[in-house]
C-alpha atoms as a PDB file:
ATOM      1  CA  MET A   1       4.257 -14.162 -24.340  1.00  0.00           C
ATOM      2  CA  SER A   2       6.734 -11.336 -24.922  1.00  0.00           C
ATOM      3  CA  LYS A   3       9.328 -10.400 -22.352  1.00  0.00           C
ATOM      4  CA  ARG A   4       7.604  -7.036 -21.908  1.00  0.00           C
ATOM      5  CA  ALA A   5       4.235  -8.553 -21.031  1.00  0.00           C
ATOM      6  CA  ASP A   6       5.213  -8.783 -17.374  1.00  0.00           C
ATOM      7  CA  TYR A   7       5.671  -4.997 -17.288  1.00  0.00           C
ATOM      8  CA  ASP A   8       2.750  -3.996 -19.508  1.00  0.00           C
ATOM      9  CA  ARG A   9      -0.122  -2.853 -17.285  1.00  0.00           C
ATOM     10  CA  THR A  10      -2.558  -3.299 -20.158  1.00  0.00           C
ATOM     11  CA  ALA A  11      -1.602  -6.930 -20.703  1.00  0.00           C
ATOM     12  CA  PRO A  12      -4.332  -9.444 -19.768  1.00  0.00           C
ATOM     13  CA  GLU A  13      -1.851 -11.324 -17.604  1.00  0.00           C
ATOM     14  CA  PHE A  14      -1.168  -8.202 -15.533  1.00  0.00           C
ATOM     15  CA  GLU A  15      -4.856  -7.392 -15.046  1.00  0.00           C
ATOM     16  CA  ALA A  16      -5.561 -10.927 -13.895  1.00  0.00           C
ATOM     17  CA  ALA A  17      -2.734 -10.719 -11.364  1.00  0.00           C
ATOM     18  CA  ALA A  18      -3.972  -7.439  -9.865  1.00  0.00           C
ATOM     19  CA  PRO A  19      -6.808  -8.108  -7.414  1.00  0.00           C
ATOM     20  CA  GLU A  20      -9.338  -5.367  -6.818  1.00  0.00           C
ATOM     21  CA  THR A  21      -8.279  -5.100  -3.185  1.00  0.00           C
ATOM     22  CA  SER A  22      -4.567  -4.862  -3.949  1.00  0.00           C
ATOM     23  CA  PHE A  23      -4.254  -1.603  -1.999  1.00  0.00           C
ATOM     24  CA  ASN A  24      -5.641  -2.990   1.246  1.00  0.00           C
ATOM     25  CA  THR A  25      -2.247  -3.648   2.841  1.00  0.00           C
ATOM     26  CA  ASP A  26      -0.582  -0.378   1.850  1.00  0.00           C
ATOM     27  CA  ILE A  27      -1.349   1.470   5.081  1.00  0.00           C
ATOM     28  CA  PHE A  28       0.149  -1.341   7.152  1.00  0.00           C
ATOM     29  CA  PHE A  29       3.317  -1.265   5.057  1.00  0.00           C
ATOM     30  CA  VAL A  30       3.528   2.526   5.480  1.00  0.00           C
ATOM     31  CA  LEU A  31       3.068   2.347   9.254  1.00  0.00           C
ATOM     32  CA  ILE A  32       5.603  -0.442   9.753  1.00  0.00           C
ATOM     33  CA  PHE A  33       8.123   1.228   7.432  1.00  0.00           C
ATOM     34  CA  ALA A  34       7.717   4.638   9.134  1.00  0.00           C
ATOM     35  CA  THR A  35       7.953   3.076  12.604  1.00  0.00           C
ATOM     36  CA  LEU A  36      11.176   1.221  11.851  1.00  0.00           C
ATOM     37  CA  TRP A  37      12.648   4.292  10.150  1.00  0.00           C
ATOM     38  CA  ALA A  38      11.841   6.540  13.115  1.00  0.00           C
ATOM     39  CA  TRP A  39      13.415   4.020  15.471  1.00  0.00           C
ATOM     40  CA  MET A  40      16.520   3.833  13.267  1.00  0.00           C
ATOM     41  CA  GLU A  41      16.870   7.628  13.173  1.00  0.00           C
ATOM     42  CA  VAL A  42      16.577   7.839  16.956  1.00  0.00           C
ATOM     43  CA  GLU A  43      19.394   5.290  17.222  1.00  0.00           C
ATOM     44  CA  ILE A  44      21.495   7.332  14.774  1.00  0.00           C
ATOM     45  CA  GLU A  45      20.801  10.860  16.035  1.00  0.00           C
ATOM     46  CA  GLY A  46      20.125  10.313  19.726  1.00  0.00           C
ATOM     47  CA  LYS A  47      18.967  13.518  21.370  1.00  0.00           C
ATOM     48  CA  TYR A  48      20.572  15.699  18.710  1.00  0.00           C
ATOM     49  CA  GLY A  49      17.736  16.077  16.223  1.00  0.00           C
ATOM     50  CA  TRP A  50      18.094  17.284  12.654  1.00  0.00           C
ATOM     51  CA  ALA A  51      21.503  15.596  12.384  1.00  0.00           C
ATOM     52  CA  GLN A  52      23.129  18.205  14.636  1.00  0.00           C
ATOM     53  CA  LYS A  53      26.008  15.920  15.652  1.00  0.00           C
ATOM     54  CA  LEU A  54      26.345  13.863  12.480  1.00  0.00           C
ATOM     55  CA  PRO A  55      29.211  14.219   9.989  1.00  0.00           C
ATOM     56  CA  THR A  56      27.015  15.759   7.315  1.00  0.00           C
ATOM     57  CA  SER A  57      26.679  19.227   5.810  1.00  0.00           C
ATOM     58  CA  CYS A  58      23.949  21.615   4.702  1.00  0.00           C
ATOM     59  CA  ALA A  59      22.395  20.953   1.328  1.00  0.00           C
ATOM     60  CA  PHE A  60      19.689  23.565   0.667  1.00  0.00           C
ATOM     61  CA  TRP A  61      16.646  25.169   2.329  1.00  0.00           C
ATOM     62  CA  GLY A  62      17.779  24.030   5.765  1.00  0.00           C
ATOM     63  CA  TRP A  63      18.150  20.392   4.716  1.00  0.00           C
ATOM     64  CA  THR A  64      21.329  18.381   5.255  1.00  0.00           C
ATOM     65  CA  TRP A  65      22.681  15.884   2.737  1.00  0.00           C
ATOM     66  CA  TYR A  66      21.854  13.221   5.318  1.00  0.00           C
ATOM     67  CA  HIS A  67      18.175  14.153   5.052  1.00  0.00           C
ATOM     68  CA  VAL A  68      18.271  14.445   1.269  1.00  0.00           C
ATOM     69  CA  SER A  69      19.758  10.984   0.805  1.00  0.00           C
ATOM     70  CA  MET A  70      17.450   9.332   3.344  1.00  0.00           C
ATOM     71  CA  ASN A  71      14.360  10.960   1.852  1.00  0.00           C
ATOM     72  CA  PHE A  72      15.295   9.808  -1.641  1.00  0.00           C
ATOM     73  CA  ILE A  73      15.574   6.265  -0.302  1.00  0.00           C
ATOM     74  CA  VAL A  74      12.127   6.565   1.269  1.00  0.00           C
ATOM     75  CA  LEU A  75      10.543   7.904  -1.933  1.00  0.00           C
ATOM     76  CA  ILE A  76      12.052   5.150  -4.069  1.00  0.00           C
ATOM     77  CA  VAL A  77      11.028   2.396  -1.657  1.00  0.00           C
ATOM     78  CA  LEU A  78       7.460   3.711  -1.381  1.00  0.00           C
ATOM     79  CA  TYR A  79       7.111   4.118  -5.131  1.00  0.00           C
ATOM     80  CA  ARG A  80       8.273   0.566  -5.787  1.00  0.00           C
ATOM     81  CA  SER A  81       6.420  -0.996  -2.838  1.00  0.00           C
ATOM     82  CA  LEU A  82       2.951   0.576  -2.679  1.00  0.00           C
ATOM     83  CA  ARG A  83       0.597  -1.860  -4.328  1.00  0.00           C
ATOM     84  CA  CYS A  84      -1.877   0.824  -5.312  1.00  0.00           C
ATOM     85  CA  VAL A  85       0.891   2.547  -7.285  1.00  0.00           C
ATOM     86  CA  GLN A  86       1.739  -0.676  -9.091  1.00  0.00           C
ATOM     87  CA  PHE A  87      -1.824  -1.773  -9.841  1.00  0.00           C
ATOM     88  CA  GLU A  88      -3.572   1.538 -10.474  1.00  0.00           C
ATOM     89  CA  GLN A  89      -3.091   3.738 -13.520  1.00  0.00           C
ATOM     90  CA  GLY A  90      -2.932   7.438 -14.371  1.00  0.00           C
ATOM     91  CA  TRP A  91      -3.935  10.051 -11.819  1.00  0.00           C
ATOM     92  CA  THR A  92      -5.190   7.399  -9.370  1.00  0.00           C
ATOM     93  CA  SER A  93      -1.669   6.025  -9.055  1.00  0.00           C
ATOM     94  CA  LEU A  94      -0.206   9.502  -8.537  1.00  0.00           C
ATOM     95  CA  VAL A  95      -2.797  10.436  -5.891  1.00  0.00           C
ATOM     96  CA  CYS A  96      -2.149   7.178  -4.085  1.00  0.00           C
ATOM     97  CA  PHE A  97       1.608   7.764  -4.086  1.00  0.00           C
ATOM     98  CA  ALA A  98       1.182  11.343  -2.829  1.00  0.00           C
ATOM     99  CA  LEU A  99      -1.251  10.417  -0.045  1.00  0.00           C
ATOM    100  CA  TYR A 100       0.725   7.523   1.368  1.00  0.00           C
ATOM    101  CA  THR A 101       4.027   9.376   1.038  1.00  0.00           C
ATOM    102  CA  VAL A 102       2.931  12.429   3.050  1.00  0.00           C
ATOM    103  CA  ALA A 103       1.318  10.102   5.585  1.00  0.00           C
ATOM    104  CA  TRP A 104       4.637   8.279   5.934  1.00  0.00           C
ATOM    105  CA  PHE A 105       6.517  11.496   6.668  1.00  0.00           C
ATOM    106  CA  VAL A 106       3.987  12.669   9.276  1.00  0.00           C
ATOM    107  CA  VAL A 107       3.974   9.316  11.082  1.00  0.00           C
ATOM    108  CA  GLU A 108       7.777   9.027  10.992  1.00  0.00           C
ATOM    109  CA  ASP A 109       8.312  12.560  12.296  1.00  0.00           C
ATOM    110  CA  VAL A 110       5.874  12.216  15.199  1.00  0.00           C
ATOM    111  CA  LEU A 111       7.227   8.793  16.148  1.00  0.00           C
ATOM    112  CA  TRP A 112      10.792  10.130  16.227  1.00  0.00           C
ATOM    113  CA  PHE A 113       9.771  12.191  19.256  1.00  0.00           C
ATOM    114  CA  THR A 114       7.528   9.479  20.644  1.00  0.00           C
ATOM    115  CA  PHE A 115      10.337   6.907  20.651  1.00  0.00           C
ATOM    116  CA  ASN A 116      13.174   9.222  21.592  1.00  0.00           C
ATOM    117  CA  PRO A 117      13.917   8.954  25.329  1.00  0.00           C
ATOM    118  CA  SER A 118      15.334  12.488  25.229  1.00  0.00           C
ATOM    119  CA  TYR A 119      11.997  13.915  24.186  1.00  0.00           C
ATOM    120  CA  GLY A 120       8.850  11.847  24.329  1.00  0.00           C
ATOM    121  CA  ILE A 121       5.666  13.508  23.179  1.00  0.00           C
ATOM    122  CA  LYS A 122       5.806  15.811  26.227  1.00  0.00           C
ATOM    123  CA  ARG A 123       8.673  17.713  24.625  1.00  0.00           C
ATOM    124  CA  TYR A 124       7.031  17.951  21.216  1.00  0.00           C
ATOM    125  CA  THR A 125       6.870  21.720  21.562  1.00  0.00           C
ATOM    126  CA  VAL A 126       8.193  24.796  19.768  1.00  0.00           C
ATOM    127  CA  ALA A 127      10.529  25.542  22.681  1.00  0.00           C
ATOM    128  CA  ASP A 128      12.122  22.074  22.611  1.00  0.00           C
ATOM    129  CA  ILE A 129      12.432  21.594  18.848  1.00  0.00           C
ATOM    130  CA  PRO A 130      14.496  24.431  17.356  1.00  0.00           C
ATOM    131  CA  TRP A 131      14.654  22.792  13.911  1.00  0.00           C
ATOM    132  CA  HIS A 132      10.844  22.990  13.652  1.00  0.00           C
ATOM    133  CA  ALA A 133      10.436  26.299  15.502  1.00  0.00           C
ATOM    134  CA  SER A 134      10.416  28.404  12.324  1.00  0.00           C
ATOM    135  CA  LYS A 135       7.447  26.471  10.939  1.00  0.00           C
ATOM    136  CA  PRO A 136       3.910  27.724  11.708  1.00  0.00           C
ATOM    137  CA  TRP A 137       2.366  25.744  14.575  1.00  0.00           C
ATOM    138  CA  PHE A 138      -1.277  25.152  15.435  1.00  0.00           C
ATOM    139  CA  ALA A 139      -2.936  23.095  18.199  1.00  0.00           C
ATOM    140  CA  GLY A 140       0.229  21.387  19.408  1.00  0.00           C
ATOM    141  CA  THR A 141       1.910  20.579  16.093  1.00  0.00           C
ATOM    142  CA  PHE A 142       3.090  22.392  13.028  1.00  0.00           C
ATOM    143  CA  VAL A 143       0.581  23.275  10.338  1.00  0.00           C
ATOM    144  CA  TYR A 144       2.012  20.834   7.784  1.00  0.00           C
ATOM    145  CA  ASN A 145       0.577  17.910   9.761  1.00  0.00           C
ATOM    146  CA  TRP A 146      -2.898  19.467   9.776  1.00  0.00           C
ATOM    147  CA  VAL A 147      -2.646  20.135   6.040  1.00  0.00           C
ATOM    148  CA  VAL A 148      -1.820  16.475   5.414  1.00  0.00           C
ATOM    149  CA  LEU A 149      -4.741  15.334   7.564  1.00  0.00           C
ATOM    150  CA  SER A 150      -7.076  17.754   5.745  1.00  0.00           C
ATOM    151  CA  VAL A 151      -5.933  16.436   2.359  1.00  0.00           C
ATOM    152  CA  TRP A 152      -6.639  12.878   3.470  1.00  0.00           C
ATOM    153  CA  ILE A 153     -10.109  13.868   4.721  1.00  0.00           C
ATOM    154  CA  LEU A 154     -10.895  15.669   1.459  1.00  0.00           C
ATOM    155  CA  SER A 155      -9.624  12.714  -0.581  1.00  0.00           C
ATOM    156  CA  ALA A 156     -11.754  10.324   1.480  1.00  0.00           C
ATOM    157  CA  ILE A 157     -14.870  12.475   0.935  1.00  0.00           C
ATOM    158  CA  LEU A 158     -14.237  12.653  -2.819  1.00  0.00           C
ATOM    159  CA  GLN A 159     -13.611   8.918  -3.054  1.00  0.00           C
ATOM    160  CA  ILE A 160     -16.765   8.037  -1.138  1.00  0.00           C
ATOM    161  CA  GLY A 161     -18.814  10.518  -3.171  1.00  0.00           C
ATOM    162  CA  TYR A 162     -17.583   9.492  -6.616  1.00  0.00           C
ATOM    163  CA  THR A 163     -16.625   5.827  -6.266  1.00  0.00           C
ATOM    164  CA  HIS A 164     -18.596   4.716  -3.189  1.00  0.00           C
ATOM    165  CA  ASP A 165     -15.375   3.220  -1.839  1.00  0.00           C
ATOM    166  CA  SER A 166     -13.995   4.118   1.572  1.00  0.00           C
ATOM    167  CA  TYR A 167     -10.505   2.643   1.781  1.00  0.00           C
ATOM    168  CA  ILE A 168      -8.858   6.094   2.017  1.00  0.00           C
ATOM    169  CA  PHE A 169     -11.044   6.973   5.008  1.00  0.00           C
ATOM    170  CA  ARG A 170     -10.399   3.565   6.558  1.00  0.00           C
ATOM    171  CA  ASP A 171      -6.619   3.856   6.135  1.00  0.00           C
ATOM    172  CA  MET A 172      -6.666   7.386   7.550  1.00  0.00           C
ATOM    173  CA  CYS A 173      -8.463   6.140  10.663  1.00  0.00           C
ATOM    174  CA  ILE A 174      -6.020   3.252  11.057  1.00  0.00           C
ATOM    175  CA  ALA A 175      -3.043   5.629  10.867  1.00  0.00           C
ATOM    176  CA  VAL A 176      -4.553   8.150  13.300  1.00  0.00           C
ATOM    177  CA  VAL A 177      -5.452   5.490  15.854  1.00  0.00           C
ATOM    178  CA  TYR A 178      -2.009   3.879  15.541  1.00  0.00           C
ATOM    179  CA  VAL A 179      -0.181   7.161  16.154  1.00  0.00           C
ATOM    180  CA  LEU A 180      -2.492   8.150  19.014  1.00  0.00           C
ATOM    181  CA  VAL A 181      -1.917   4.824  20.793  1.00  0.00           C
ATOM    182  CA  LEU A 182       1.864   5.267  20.595  1.00  0.00           C
ATOM    183  CA  VAL A 183       1.621   8.908  21.668  1.00  0.00           C
ATOM    184  CA  LEU A 184      -0.459   7.977  24.717  1.00  0.00           C
ATOM    185  CA  GLY A 185       2.081   5.280  25.523  1.00  0.00           C
ATOM    186  CA  SER A 186       4.803   7.913  25.412  1.00  0.00           C
ATOM    187  CA  LEU A 187       2.905  10.061  27.907  1.00  0.00           C
ATOM    188  CA  ALA A 188       2.953   7.190  30.378  1.00  0.00           C
ATOM    189  CA  ARG A 189       6.720   6.789  30.093  1.00  0.00           C
ATOM    190  CA  PRO A 190       9.222   8.749  32.221  1.00  0.00           C
ATOM    191  CA  GLY A 191      10.554  11.640  30.215  1.00  0.00           C
ATOM    192  CA  ASP A 192      14.043  11.977  31.689  1.00  0.00           C
ATOM    193  CA  TYR A 193      16.962  10.835  29.610  1.00  0.00           C
ATOM    194  CA  THR A 194      19.181   8.792  31.905  1.00  0.00           C
ATOM    195  CA  ASN A 195      21.536   6.896  29.580  1.00  0.00           C
ATOM    196  CA  PRO A 196      24.864   8.648  28.947  1.00  0.00           C
ATOM    197  CA  VAL A 197      25.706   9.834  25.442  1.00  0.00           C
ATOM    198  CA  VAL A 198      28.934   8.178  24.311  1.00  0.00           C
ATOM    199  CA  SER A 199      31.125   8.795  21.292  1.00  0.00           C
ATOM    200  CA  ASN A 200      30.578   5.268  20.041  1.00  0.00           C
ATOM    201  CA  SER A 201      28.740   2.123  21.030  1.00  0.00           C
ATOM    202  CA  GLY A 202      31.810  -0.032  21.469  1.00  0.00           C
ATOM    203  CA  CYS A 203      30.080  -2.626  19.287  1.00  0.00           C
ATOM    204  CA  TYR A 204      33.030  -3.525  17.080  1.00  0.00           C
ATOM    205  CA  VAL A 205      35.813  -6.072  16.985  1.00  0.00           C
ATOM    206  CA  LYS A 206      39.090  -4.639  18.288  1.00  0.00           C
END
């Protein structure tokens, strides 16, 4: 066996190692990854969204270098981790990467507000989020989120119609239910931020 056989998707060894249901865990990876990332960003940014108080600078189109670097990390991790990207070929792999990537960004963005004690889902409004205020909003969120959901629905319809498979629809439902459960949990939580904002955590050895 050549050294390149492990990386050749047409090699018999690769095909045998790629089960037909290899994509079945992708949505769970996306949800866990997005949840942990949202939690981490809340810990970094606190109540000052869009890196308002971080030592970063503007990059382009309203993005900071903090956002650019973090988003590149996310894209690389998703591309190397999604099993459907690794086991599928051609346009199927690209569609898979696009679908799960935009889903990641929607889930992460909504959960940032859901987890953040300074906001909660009650303050997920145009008036409370100046960094999203310039975006077009519809039915309680900005239009981008509805576009992503519509693309997933269309992709699910096409997949069911042409391949008689329904994993895109199933994963969409899992993601929607997951986010809704966390959003409802946020509604039940007090919305007042009571912990003081300090300049540092004090978690270091003096």
